[in-house]
Amino acid sequence: MAWIFLLVAGALEVVWATGLKKLGIGFTWTLGVLTLIAMITSLVALYAAMTRLPLGIAYPIWTGIGSVGSVLVGVLAFNQNLSMSGIVGLTLLIAGMFLLGSDAH
């Protein structure tokens, strides 16, 4: 169950990061409140995951999911260009998350 909470927390991190980007383009109260709800819910889900997973595994994977997901949203929704070094970086992040996760007991 802790891993499900961690995946939800990471996905919600992508949601609120995307919300912040969209708020920078044009502020609306509805989007602001939804972004804040996503932030709080992400932290609550991270807390739930950390009750069972070590800090050194849960936190880096949470931020890694947020990082990889945010780059993908940037490329797909905001026309961000991704160079070959960016692709290699994303691949290394994903590999690092899997390696950290495999160390969980």
Protein backbone atom coordinates (compact mmCIF):
# COMPACT_ATOMS: atom_id res chain seq x y z
CA MET A 1 0.00 0.00 0.00
CA ALA A 2 2.92 2.34 0.72
CA TRP A 3 4.03 2.12 -2.91
CA ILE A 4 0.56 3.05 -4.12
CA PHE A 5 0.60 6.10 -1.86
CA LEU A 6 4.04 7.00 -3.20
CA LEU A 7 2.91 6.71 -6.84
CA VAL A 8 -0.17 8.83 -6.10
CA ALA A 9 2.00 11.41 -4.32
CA GLY A 10 4.36 11.56 -7.31
CA ALA A 11 1.53 11.88 -9.81
CA LEU A 12 0.00 14.68 -7.75
CA GLU A 13 3.37 16.42 -7.71
CA VAL A 14 3.22 16.49 -11.51
CA VAL A 15 -0.34 17.86 -11.30
CA TRP A 16 0.57 20.73 -8.99
CA ALA A 17 3.75 21.57 -10.91
CA THR A 18 1.66 21.76 -14.07
CA GLY A 19 -0.88 23.89 -12.20
CA LEU A 20 1.87 26.30 -11.17
CA LYS A 21 3.03 26.59 -14.78
CA LYS A 22 -0.51 27.27 -15.98
CA LEU A 23 -1.01 29.82 -13.18
CA GLY A 24 2.06 31.64 -14.48
CA ILE A 25 0.41 31.87 -17.88
CA GLY A 26 -2.91 33.14 -16.53
CA PHE A 27 -4.13 33.18 -12.94
CA THR A 28 -7.59 31.92 -12.02
CA TRP A 29 -8.85 31.26 -8.51
CA THR A 30 -10.21 27.86 -9.51
CA LEU A 31 -6.86 26.70 -10.85
CA GLY A 32 -5.09 28.19 -7.84
CA VAL A 33 -7.29 26.30 -5.39
CA LEU A 34 -6.99 23.04 -7.36
CA THR A 35 -3.21 23.42 -7.45
CA LEU A 36 -3.12 23.99 -3.69
CA ILE A 37 -5.33 20.93 -3.10
CA ALA A 38 -2.98 18.85 -5.29
CA MET A 39 0.01 20.10 -3.27
CA ILE A 40 -1.54 19.25 0.07
CA THR A 41 -2.85 15.87 -1.10
CA SER A 42 0.56 15.02 -2.56
CA LEU A 43 2.23 15.73 0.77
CA VAL A 44 -0.38 13.71 2.68
CA ALA A 45 0.14 10.75 0.33
CA LEU A 46 3.92 11.11 0.72
CA TYR A 47 3.49 11.10 4.50
CA ALA A 48 1.39 7.92 4.25
CA ALA A 49 4.08 6.27 2.10
CA MET A 50 6.85 7.32 4.49
CA THR A 51 5.17 5.59 7.42
CA ARG A 52 6.28 2.32 5.81
CA LEU A 53 9.13 3.23 3.43
CA PRO A 54 12.51 4.65 4.42
CA LEU A 55 13.13 8.37 3.86
CA GLY A 56 16.09 7.65 1.58
CA ILE A 57 13.85 5.67 -0.76
CA ALA A 58 10.46 7.41 -0.58
CA TYR A 59 11.59 11.02 -0.94
CA PRO A 60 13.96 10.55 -3.92
CA ILE A 61 11.39 8.44 -5.75
CA TRP A 62 8.66 11.04 -5.07
CA THR A 63 10.82 13.82 -6.46
CA GLY A 64 11.95 11.60 -9.33
CA ILE A 65 8.37 10.84 -10.36
CA GLY A 66 7.64 14.56 -10.19
CA SER A 67 10.73 15.41 -12.21
CA VAL A 68 10.21 12.85 -14.96
CA GLY A 69 6.47 13.52 -15.14
CA SER A 70 6.96 17.28 -15.26
CA VAL A 71 9.45 17.00 -18.10
CA LEU A 72 7.02 14.79 -20.02
CA VAL A 73 4.18 17.28 -19.46
CA GLY A 74 6.52 20.08 -20.53
CA VAL A 75 7.32 18.28 -23.77
CA LEU A 76 3.78 17.12 -24.53
CA ALA A 77 1.71 20.08 -23.34
CA PHE A 78 4.05 23.09 -23.38
CA ASN A 79 6.20 22.31 -26.45
CA GLN A 80 9.41 22.04 -24.45
CA ASN A 81 12.32 20.77 -26.53
CA LEU A 82 14.21 17.80 -25.13
CA SER A 83 17.79 17.26 -26.28
CA MET A 84 19.64 13.97 -26.36
CA SER A 85 21.33 14.84 -23.07
CA GLY A 86 17.87 15.48 -21.59
CA ILE A 87 16.71 12.05 -22.72
CA VAL A 88 19.81 10.48 -21.19
CA GLY A 89 19.17 12.41 -17.97
CA LEU A 90 15.58 11.18 -17.81
CA THR A 91 16.73 7.63 -18.45
CA LEU A 92 19.24 7.91 -15.60
CA LEU A 93 16.57 9.32 -13.27
CA ILE A 94 14.24 6.43 -14.05
CA ALA A 95 17.05 3.89 -13.62
CA GLY A 96 17.99 5.49 -10.29
CA MET A 97 14.40 5.31 -9.05
CA PHE A 98 14.19 1.61 -9.94
CA LEU A 99 17.52 0.91 -8.25
CA LEU A 100 16.47 2.75 -5.08
CA GLY A 101 13.11 1.00 -5.10
CA SER A 102 14.72 -2.40 -5.41
CA ASP A 103 16.63 -1.64 -2.19
CA ALA A 104 13.37 -1.27 -0.18
CA HIS A 105 12.68 -4.01 2.32
